[in-house]
C-alpha atoms as a PDB file:
ATOM      1  CA  MET A   1       0.022   0.068  -0.043  1.00  0.00           C
ATOM      2  CA  GLN A   2       1.556   3.361  -1.081  1.00  0.00           C
ATOM      3  CA  LEU A   3       1.026   6.153   1.463  1.00  0.00           C
ATOM      4  CA  PHE A   4       1.441   9.905   1.177  1.00  0.00           C
ATOM      5  CA  THR A   5       3.096  11.525   4.138  1.00  0.00           C
ATOM      6  CA  ALA A   6       2.891  15.059   5.192  1.00  0.00           C
ATOM      7  CA  THR A   7       5.584  17.080   6.985  1.00  0.00           C
ATOM      8  CA  VAL A   8       4.176  19.558   9.527  1.00  0.00           C
ATOM      9  CA  ALA A   9       1.439  17.264  10.658  1.00  0.00           C
ATOM     10  CA  ASP A  10       1.953  13.588   9.664  1.00  0.00           C
ATOM     11  CA  ILE A  11      -1.172  12.739   7.763  1.00  0.00           C
ATOM     12  CA  LYS A  12      -1.527   9.355   5.935  1.00  0.00           C
ATOM     13  CA  VAL A  13      -4.196   7.909   3.737  1.00  0.00           C
ATOM     14  CA  ARG A  14      -4.355   5.472   0.908  1.00  0.00           C
ATOM     15  CA  GLU A  15      -3.351   6.914  -2.408  1.00  0.00           C
ATOM     16  CA  LYS A  16      -6.163   5.199  -4.260  1.00  0.00           C
ATOM     17  CA  ILE A  17      -9.512   4.117  -2.550  1.00  0.00           C
ATOM     18  CA  LYS A  18     -12.162   1.964  -4.090  1.00  0.00           C
ATOM     19  CA  TYR A  19     -15.608   3.347  -4.520  1.00  0.00           C
ATOM     20  CA  THR A  20     -17.519   3.064  -1.310  1.00  0.00           C
ATOM     21  CA  GLN A  21     -14.478   1.812   0.677  1.00  0.00           C
ATOM     22  CA  ARG A  22     -14.123   3.511   3.983  1.00  0.00           C
ATOM     23  CA  ILE A  23     -11.462   6.205   4.262  1.00  0.00           C
ATOM     24  CA  LEU A  24      -9.067   5.800   7.221  1.00  0.00           C
ATOM     25  CA  VAL A  25      -7.062   8.869   8.027  1.00  0.00           C
ATOM     26  CA  SER A  26      -4.021   8.626  10.402  1.00  0.00           C
ATOM     27  CA  VAL A  27      -3.078  11.976  11.889  1.00  0.00           C
ATOM     28  CA  ASN A  28      -0.116  12.711  14.116  1.00  0.00           C
ATOM     29  CA  ASN A  29      -0.020  16.416  15.123  1.00  0.00           C
ATOM     30  CA  PRO A  30       3.356  17.290  16.736  1.00  0.00           C
ATOM     31  CA  ASN A  31       1.960  20.647  17.755  1.00  0.00           C
ATOM     32  CA  ALA A  32      -0.240  21.216  20.680  1.00  0.00           C
ATOM     33  CA  PRO A  33      -3.635  19.688  19.669  1.00  0.00           C
ATOM     34  CA  ARG A  34      -6.763  21.766  20.135  1.00  0.00           C
ATOM     35  CA  LYS A  35     -10.447  21.058  20.514  1.00  0.00           C
ATOM     36  CA  GLY A  36     -11.218  22.758  17.332  1.00  0.00           C
ATOM     37  CA  ASP A  37      -9.011  20.377  15.299  1.00  0.00           C
ATOM     38  CA  PHE A  38     -10.849  18.449  12.595  1.00  0.00           C
ATOM     39  CA  ILE A  39     -10.199  16.295   9.471  1.00  0.00           C
ATOM     40  CA  GLY A  40     -11.987  17.392   6.313  1.00  0.00           C
ATOM     41  CA  ILE A  41     -12.285  15.989   2.790  1.00  0.00           C
ATOM     42  CA  TYR A  42     -12.420  18.459  -0.053  1.00  0.00           C
ATOM     43  CA  PRO A  43     -12.482  18.269  -3.775  1.00  0.00           C
ATOM     44  CA  ASP A  44      -8.894  18.780  -5.113  1.00  0.00           C
ATOM     45  CA  PRO A  45      -8.778  22.148  -6.954  1.00  0.00           C
ATOM     46  CA  GLY A  46      -5.522  21.109  -8.884  1.00  0.00           C
ATOM     47  CA  LYS A  47      -1.782  21.227  -8.527  1.00  0.00           C
ATOM     48  CA  ASP A  48      -1.710  25.083  -9.166  1.00  0.00           C
ATOM     49  CA  VAL A  49      -3.375  25.521  -5.741  1.00  0.00           C
ATOM     50  CA  PRO A  50      -1.012  25.084  -2.662  1.00  0.00           C
ATOM     51  CA  MET A  51      -2.004  22.316  -0.353  1.00  0.00           C
ATOM     52  CA  THR A  52      -2.965  24.503   2.600  1.00  0.00           C
ATOM     53  CA  SER A  53      -4.678  27.241   0.688  1.00  0.00           C
ATOM     54  CA  PRO A  54      -8.159  27.973   2.148  1.00  0.00           C
ATOM     55  CA  LEU A  55     -10.903  25.769   0.662  1.00  0.00           C
ATOM     56  CA  ASP A  56     -14.663  25.810   0.679  1.00  0.00           C
ATOM     57  CA  THR A  57     -16.808  23.900   3.033  1.00  0.00           C
ATOM     58  CA  PRO A  58     -15.685  20.271   3.229  1.00  0.00           C
ATOM     59  CA  LEU A  59     -17.772  17.436   1.734  1.00  0.00           C
ATOM     60  CA  PHE A  60     -17.191  15.363   4.883  1.00  0.00           C
ATOM     61  CA  TRP A  61     -15.508  16.183   8.125  1.00  0.00           C
ATOM     62  CA  LEU A  62     -15.025  15.002  11.759  1.00  0.00           C
ATOM     63  CA  TYR A  63     -13.439  16.578  14.736  1.00  0.00           C
ATOM     64  CA  THR A  64     -10.435  14.589  16.048  1.00  0.00           C
ATOM     65  CA  CYS A  65     -12.765  13.219  18.752  1.00  0.00           C
ATOM     66  CA  LYS A  66     -14.205  11.211  15.822  1.00  0.00           C
ATOM     67  CA  SER A  67     -17.608  13.030  15.806  1.00  0.00           C
ATOM     68  CA  GLN A  68     -19.104  16.234  14.616  1.00  0.00           C
ATOM     69  CA  THR A  69     -19.941  16.934  18.138  1.00  0.00           C
ATOM     70  CA  CYS A  70     -17.349  16.393  20.926  1.00  0.00           C
ATOM     71  CA  THR A  71     -18.091  16.179  24.505  1.00  0.00           C
ATOM     72  CA  ASP A  72     -17.069  19.095  26.949  1.00  0.00           C
ATOM     73  CA  ASP A  73     -14.608  16.806  28.654  1.00  0.00           C
ATOM     74  CA  TYR A  74     -12.817  15.651  25.452  1.00  0.00           C
ATOM     75  CA  LYS A  75      -9.037  16.023  25.668  1.00  0.00           C
ATOM     76  CA  PRO A  76      -7.438  16.340  22.203  1.00  0.00           C
ATOM     77  CA  LYS A  77      -4.641  13.769  21.388  1.00  0.00           C
ATOM     78  CA  LYS A  78      -1.628  14.196  19.205  1.00  0.00           C
ATOM     79  CA  TRP A  79      -2.483  10.920  17.372  1.00  0.00           C
ATOM     80  CA  ASN A  80      -5.827  10.015  15.849  1.00  0.00           C
ATOM     81  CA  LEU A  81      -7.235   7.388  13.426  1.00  0.00           C
ATOM     82  CA  ILE A  82     -10.344   8.963  11.763  1.00  0.00           C
ATOM     83  CA  ASN A  83     -12.761   6.696   9.982  1.00  0.00           C
ATOM     84  CA  PHE A  84     -15.004   8.076   7.282  1.00  0.00           C
ATOM     85  CA  ASN A  85     -17.812   5.661   6.442  1.00  0.00           C
ATOM     86  CA  VAL A  86     -21.477   5.044   5.693  1.00  0.00           C
ATOM     87  CA  LYS A  87     -22.103   4.253   9.390  1.00  0.00           C
ATOM     88  CA  ASP A  88     -22.509   6.557  12.356  1.00  0.00           C
ATOM     89  CA  PRO A  89     -20.995   8.845  13.548  1.00  0.00           C
ATOM     90  CA  VAL A  90     -22.197  10.929  10.682  1.00  0.00           C
ATOM     91  CA  SER A  91     -19.502  12.778   8.826  1.00  0.00           C
ATOM     92  CA  GLU A  92     -21.429  14.259   5.972  1.00  0.00           C
ATOM     93  CA  ASP A  93     -21.724  17.918   5.061  1.00  0.00           C
ATOM     94  CA  LEU A  94     -22.285  18.906   1.508  1.00  0.00           C
ATOM     95  CA  GLN A  95     -22.578  15.272   0.277  1.00  0.00           C
ATOM     96  CA  GLN A  96     -23.704  11.960   1.311  1.00  0.00           C
ATOM     97  CA  TRP A  97     -21.795   8.741   1.362  1.00  0.00           C
ATOM     98  CA  PRO A  98     -20.340   7.310  -0.906  1.00  0.00           C
ATOM     99  CA  LEU A  99     -17.844   9.953  -1.994  1.00  0.00           C
ATOM    100  CA  PRO A 100     -18.023  10.175  -5.641  1.00  0.00           C
ATOM    101  CA  SER A 101     -15.161   8.996  -7.811  1.00  0.00           C
ATOM    102  CA  GLY A 102     -12.537  11.744  -8.372  1.00  0.00           C
ATOM    103  CA  ASN A 103      -9.576  13.525  -6.880  1.00  0.00           C
ATOM    104  CA  TYR A 104      -9.575  14.938  -3.307  1.00  0.00           C
ATOM    105  CA  ARG A 105      -7.570  16.417  -0.495  1.00  0.00           C
ATOM    106  CA  VAL A 106      -7.817  15.288   3.171  1.00  0.00           C
ATOM    107  CA  CYS A 107      -6.849  18.061   5.545  1.00  0.00           C
ATOM    108  CA  LEU A 108      -6.085  18.669   9.230  1.00  0.00           C
ATOM    109  CA  GLY A 109      -7.663  21.935  10.127  1.00  0.00           C
ATOM    110  CA  ASN A 110      -8.724  23.923  13.053  1.00  0.00           C
ATOM    111  CA  ARG A 111     -12.271  25.357  13.334  1.00  0.00           C
ATOM    112  CA  GLY A 112     -11.727  28.823  14.808  1.00  0.00           C
ATOM    113  CA  TYR A 113     -14.156  31.482  15.749  1.00  0.00           C
ATOM    114  CA  GLU A 114     -16.956  32.301  13.135  1.00  0.00           C
ATOM    115  CA  GLU A 115     -15.138  35.580  12.096  1.00  0.00           C
ATOM    116  CA  VAL A 116     -11.890  33.704  11.561  1.00  0.00           C
ATOM    117  CA  GLY A 117     -13.128  30.582   9.807  1.00  0.00           C
ATOM    118  CA  ASP A 118     -11.319  27.277   9.183  1.00  0.00           C
ATOM    119  CA  THR A 119      -7.520  27.188   9.152  1.00  0.00           C
ATOM    120  CA  LEU A 120      -5.880  24.388   7.188  1.00  0.00           C
ATOM    121  CA  ILE A 121      -2.722  23.010   8.792  1.00  0.00           C
ATOM    122  CA  GLU A 122      -1.733  20.321   6.448  1.00  0.00           C
ATOM    123  CA  CYS A 123      -3.293  18.452   3.343  1.00  0.00           C
ATOM    124  CA  ILE A 124      -2.480  15.569   1.249  1.00  0.00           C
ATOM    125  CA  PRO A 125      -4.097  14.305  -2.051  1.00  0.00           C
ATOM    126  CA  PHE A 126      -6.000  10.927  -2.727  1.00  0.00           C
ATOM    127  CA  LYS A 127      -8.163   9.527  -5.378  1.00  0.00           C
ATOM    128  CA  VAL A 128     -11.509   7.589  -5.211  1.00  0.00           C
ATOM    129  CA  LYS A 129     -11.677   5.089  -8.116  1.00  0.00           C
ATOM    130  CA  SER A 130     -14.500   4.673 -10.513  1.00  0.00           C
ATOM    131  CA  ILE A 131     -17.453   2.273  -9.934  1.00  0.00           C
ATOM    132  CA  PRO A 132     -16.544  -1.051 -11.585  1.00  0.00           C
ATOM    133  CA  ILE A 133     -18.389  -1.410 -14.843  1.00  0.00           C
ATOM    134  CA  GLN A 134     -19.471  -4.964 -13.723  1.00  0.00           C
ATOM    135  CA  ALA A 135     -21.301  -3.539 -10.751  1.00  0.00           C
ATOM    136  CA  ILE A 136     -23.619  -1.892 -13.310  1.00  0.00           C
ATOM    137  CA  ASN A 137     -23.818  -4.439 -16.025  1.00  0.00           C
ATOM    138  CA  ASN A 138     -24.562  -7.274 -13.708  1.00  0.00           C
ATOM    139  CA  LEU A 139     -27.650  -5.490 -12.092  1.00  0.00           C
ATOM    140  CA  LYS A 140     -30.852  -7.272 -12.624  1.00  0.00           C
ATOM    141  CA  LEU A 141     -34.464  -6.291 -11.702  1.00  0.00           C
ATOM    142  CA  LYS A 142     -37.763  -8.008 -12.411  1.00  0.00           C
ATOM    143  CA  ASN A 143     -40.928  -6.160 -11.828  1.00  0.00           C
ATOM    144  CA  ARG A 144     -43.587  -8.423 -10.198  1.00  0.00           C
ATOM    145  CA  LYS A 145     -46.284  -7.148 -12.633  1.00  0.00           C
ATOM    146  CA  LYS A 146     -46.402  -5.694 -16.070  1.00  0.00           C
ATOM    147  CA  VAL A 147     -49.635  -3.719 -15.279  1.00  0.00           C
ATOM    148  CA  TYR A 148     -50.582  -2.126 -11.850  1.00  0.00           C
ATOM    149  CA  GLY A 149     -53.846  -0.693 -10.911  1.00  0.00           C
ATOM    150  CA  HIS A 150     -53.865   3.066  -9.887  1.00  0.00           C
ATOM    151  CA  GLY A 151     -52.739   3.230  -6.264  1.00  0.00           C
ATOM    152  CA  ASP A 152     -51.116  -0.324  -6.192  1.00  0.00           C
ATOM    153  CA  SER A 153     -47.684  -0.723  -4.600  1.00  0.00           C
ATOM    154  CA  ILE A 154     -44.930  -1.180  -7.165  1.00  0.00           C
ATOM    155  CA  THR A 155     -42.888  -4.386  -6.311  1.00  0.00           C
ATOM    156  CA  ALA A 156     -39.866  -5.914  -7.795  1.00  0.00           C
ATOM    157  CA  THR A 157     -37.127  -8.401  -7.191  1.00  0.00           C
ATOM    158  CA  PHE A 158     -33.398  -7.562  -7.832  1.00  0.00           C
ATOM    159  CA  SER A 159     -29.954  -9.013  -8.146  1.00  0.00           C
ATOM    160  CA  ALA A 160     -26.818  -6.961  -7.498  1.00  0.00           C
ATOM    161  CA  PRO A 161     -23.696  -9.326  -7.526  1.00  0.00           C
ATOM    162  CA  MET A 162     -21.462  -6.340  -6.564  1.00  0.00           C
ATOM    163  CA  PRO A 163     -23.662  -4.534  -4.023  1.00  0.00           C
ATOM    164  CA  ILE A 164     -22.839  -0.931  -3.000  1.00  0.00           C
ATOM    165  CA  VAL A 165     -24.149   0.874  -0.011  1.00  0.00           C
ATOM    166  CA  ASN A 166     -26.742   3.696  -0.462  1.00  0.00           C
ATOM    167  CA  SER A 167     -27.695   2.406  -3.994  1.00  0.00           C
ATOM    168  CA  TRP A 168     -31.315   2.904  -4.749  1.00  0.00           C
ATOM    169  CA  VAL A 169     -34.108   2.154  -7.152  1.00  0.00           C
ATOM    170  CA  GLY A 170     -36.332   4.886  -8.440  1.00  0.00           C
ATOM    171  CA  ILE A 171     -39.414   5.256 -10.600  1.00  0.00           C
ATOM    172  CA  TYR A 172     -39.131   7.343 -13.831  1.00  0.00           C
ATOM    173  CA  LYS A 173     -41.586   8.165 -16.672  1.00  0.00           C
ATOM    174  CA  TYR A 174     -40.922   5.867 -19.486  1.00  0.00           C
ATOM    175  CA  ILE A 175     -39.777   7.710 -22.691  1.00  0.00           C
ATOM    176  CA  ASP A 176     -38.796   6.261 -26.106  1.00  0.00           C
ATOM    177  CA  ASN A 177     -35.188   7.512 -25.838  1.00  0.00           C
ATOM    178  CA  PRO A 178     -34.305   7.287 -22.072  1.00  0.00           C
ATOM    179  CA  PRO A 179     -31.170   9.103 -20.995  1.00  0.00           C
ATOM    180  CA  ILE A 180     -27.908   7.204 -21.202  1.00  0.00           C
ATOM    181  CA  MET A 181     -25.491   9.728 -19.521  1.00  0.00           C
ATOM    182  CA  SER A 182     -27.299  10.647 -16.365  1.00  0.00           C
ATOM    183  CA  LEU A 183     -30.630  10.588 -14.665  1.00  0.00           C
ATOM    184  CA  PRO A 184     -32.772  13.349 -13.171  1.00  0.00           C
ATOM    185  CA  GLU A 185     -34.328  13.169  -9.697  1.00  0.00           C
ATOM    186  CA  PRO A 186     -36.743  10.130  -9.461  1.00  0.00           C
ATOM    187  CA  MET A 187     -40.524  10.400  -8.761  1.00  0.00           C
ATOM    188  CA  LEU A 188     -40.228   7.851  -5.994  1.00  0.00           C
ATOM    189  CA  TRP A 189     -37.373   5.831  -4.574  1.00  0.00           C
ATOM    190  CA  VAL A 190     -36.119   3.408  -1.898  1.00  0.00           C
ATOM    191  CA  TYR A 191     -32.728   2.153  -0.938  1.00  0.00           C
ATOM    192  CA  LEU A 192     -31.935  -1.243  -2.552  1.00  0.00           C
ATOM    193  CA  GLY A 193     -30.514  -2.637   0.718  1.00  0.00           C
ATOM    194  CA  CYS A 194     -32.943  -1.169   3.262  1.00  0.00           C
ATOM    195  CA  ASN A 195     -36.187  -0.991   1.158  1.00  0.00           C
ATOM    196  CA  ASN A 196     -37.016   2.393   2.591  1.00  0.00           C
ATOM    197  CA  GLN A 197     -35.762   6.096   2.580  1.00  0.00           C
ATOM    198  CA  GLY A 198     -34.903   6.233   6.139  1.00  0.00           C
ATOM    199  CA  GLY A 199     -31.760   3.946   6.025  1.00  0.00           C
ATOM    200  CA  ASP A 200     -30.568   2.011   8.999  1.00  0.00           C
ATOM    201  CA  GLN A 201     -28.400   4.661  10.859  1.00  0.00           C
ATOM    202  CA  LYS A 202     -29.362   6.772  13.775  1.00  0.00           C
ATOM    203  CA  GLU A 203     -27.588  10.063  12.802  1.00  0.00           C
ATOM    204  CA  SER A 204     -28.449  10.079   9.150  1.00  0.00           C
ATOM    205  CA  ASN A 205     -30.729   8.367   6.566  1.00  0.00           C
ATOM    206  CA  ASP A 206     -27.786   6.294   5.169  1.00  0.00           C
ATOM    207  CA  CYS A 207     -28.328   2.695   4.387  1.00  0.00           C
ATOM    208  CA  SER A 208     -25.300   0.446   5.127  1.00  0.00           C
ATOM    209  CA  LYS A 209     -26.924  -2.887   4.155  1.00  0.00           C
ATOM    210  CA  LYS A 210     -25.475  -4.480   1.042  1.00  0.00           C
ATOM    211  CA  LYS A 211     -27.790  -7.176  -0.438  1.00  0.00           C
ATOM    212  CA  LYS A 212     -26.836  -9.329  -3.526  1.00  0.00           C
ATOM    213  CA  TYR A 213     -30.542 -10.426  -3.766  1.00  0.00           C
ATOM    214  CA  GLY A 214     -33.702  -9.019  -2.426  1.00  0.00           C
ATOM    215  CA  SER A 215     -37.009  -7.265  -3.123  1.00  0.00           C
ATOM    216  CA  ILE A 216     -38.334  -3.723  -2.948  1.00  0.00           C
ATOM    217  CA  THR A 217     -41.725  -2.037  -2.524  1.00  0.00           C
ATOM    218  CA  ILE A 218     -42.556   1.524  -3.702  1.00  0.00           C
ATOM    219  CA  ASN A 219     -45.705   3.145  -2.327  1.00  0.00           C
ATOM    220  CA  GLU A 220     -46.943   6.201  -0.389  1.00  0.00           C
ATOM    221  CA  THR A 221     -44.042   5.639   2.123  1.00  0.00           C
ATOM    222  CA  SER A 222     -41.461   6.194  -0.699  1.00  0.00           C
ATOM    223  CA  GLN A 223     -41.714   9.769  -1.409  1.00  0.00           C
ATOM    224  CA  ASP A 224     -40.313  13.043  -0.261  1.00  0.00           C
ATOM    225  CA  PRO A 225     -42.609  14.712   2.189  1.00  0.00           C
ATOM    226  CA  LEU A 226     -42.274  17.932   0.113  1.00  0.00           C
ATOM    227  CA  GLN A 227     -43.515  16.309  -2.995  1.00  0.00           C
ATOM    228  CA  GLU A 228     -46.836  14.883  -3.889  1.00  0.00           C
ATOM    229  CA  SER A 229     -46.012  11.930  -6.162  1.00  0.00           C
ATOM    230  CA  TRP A 230     -48.284   9.296  -4.883  1.00  0.00           C
ATOM    231  CA  PRO A 231     -50.256   7.674  -6.227  1.00  0.00           C
ATOM    232  CA  ILE A 232     -48.460   8.024  -9.598  1.00  0.00           C
ATOM    233  CA  ASP A 233     -50.656   8.921 -12.537  1.00  0.00           C
ATOM    234  CA  VAL A 234     -51.903   6.407 -15.121  1.00  0.00           C
ATOM    235  CA  GLY A 235     -49.194   5.996 -17.594  1.00  0.00           C
ATOM    236  CA  THR A 236     -46.024   4.133 -18.671  1.00  0.00           C
ATOM    237  CA  TYR A 237     -43.097   3.907 -16.267  1.00  0.00           C
ATOM    238  CA  GLN A 238     -39.757   1.986 -15.658  1.00  0.00           C
ATOM    239  CA  LEU A 239     -37.535   1.319 -12.607  1.00  0.00           C
ATOM    240  CA  CYS A 240     -33.857   2.254 -12.605  1.00  0.00           C
ATOM    241  CA  ILE A 241     -31.172   1.165 -10.215  1.00  0.00           C
ATOM    242  CA  VAL A 242     -28.729   4.006  -9.322  1.00  0.00           C
ATOM    243  CA  LEU A 243     -25.389   3.467  -7.688  1.00  0.00           C
ATOM    244  CA  ASP A 244     -24.618   7.135  -7.071  1.00  0.00           C
ATOM    245  CA  ASN A 245     -26.016   8.938  -4.054  1.00  0.00           C
ATOM    246  CA  ASN A 246     -24.926  12.417  -5.034  1.00  0.00           C
ATOM    247  CA  THR A 247     -25.728  14.098  -8.348  1.00  0.00           C
ATOM    248  CA  PRO A 248     -25.105  13.814 -11.128  1.00  0.00           C
ATOM    249  CA  TYR A 249     -26.512  10.231 -11.274  1.00  0.00           C
ATOM    250  CA  ASN A 250     -24.106   8.793 -13.919  1.00  0.00           C
ATOM    251  CA  ASN A 251     -23.912   5.217 -12.832  1.00  0.00           C
ATOM    252  CA  PHE A 252     -27.300   3.452 -13.328  1.00  0.00           C
ATOM    253  CA  LYS A 253     -29.206   0.872 -15.191  1.00  0.00           C
ATOM    254  CA  CYS A 254     -32.883   1.009 -16.254  1.00  0.00           C
ATOM    255  CA  PHE A 255     -35.271  -1.904 -16.750  1.00  0.00           C
ATOM    256  CA  SER A 256     -38.368  -2.891 -18.875  1.00  0.00           C
ATOM    257  CA  GLN A 257     -41.329  -0.582 -18.835  1.00  0.00           C
ATOM    258  CA  PHE A 258     -44.627  -1.217 -16.845  1.00  0.00           C
ATOM    259  CA  GLU A 259     -48.071   0.208 -16.924  1.00  0.00           C
ATOM    260  CA  VAL A 260     -50.311   1.920 -14.388  1.00  0.00           C
ATOM    261  CA  GLU A 261     -53.939   1.743 -15.352  1.00  0.00           C
ATOM    262  CA  SER A 262     -57.261   3.009 -13.964  1.00  0.00           C
ATOM    263  CA  LEU A 263     -59.049   0.695 -11.667  1.00  0.00           C
ATOM    264  CA  SER A 264     -62.089  -1.052 -13.186  1.00  0.00           C
ATOM    265  CA  ILE A 265     -65.329   0.230 -12.042  1.00  0.00           C
END
């Protein structure tokens, strides 16, 4: 395993990380550690930007107490091992897990007073790999029905030989030429592993379950409270499995169409 090593504060992280793999950051701060010390993950702005230049709000972050809320009696340590993962404690800020593929920086910083803002002490780069194409190509989904009555729950079985946490299945209006590069927001959706929108964590709505086989049900419990999508109108639809949990939704596979028809009187 190749590691990058910083100088002022000794920060270590894998150079390349598989998609959805947890991110372990080892930090040894030879200076006097402070309660405001945190580890943040940022998009890498490029080689032309010095490593400790001020950056925008981190995508993910944790104080060195390994939480976003430290107890009053927490005593900062010089050495810490910080774990960024789908599971609690929640580390999300601007994005949800998993971290999209791309280039990033992990930084040791200090959260000062509001008027001062964050100060970055030391940063090092790393890369999150792309989703394996087999994880997309091997997805299978079979709708339980070809025709549903208006108001019926939509049910399906699925197969995901390379399951990914926080992947989900959504309902989309069927069109003759469906998108092939990215998908818009779904009408309704549920996590593939949890069969809900609430996930299985206490501090977030993330779903850490990975299932190779299973079933899902989409109904009135599967909608954003701010949207009125249920029951879906009479028409032609399709289900799509999406492996991204942050926009743009580029890694997906859509399946055969189904109908929603009016109930017989």
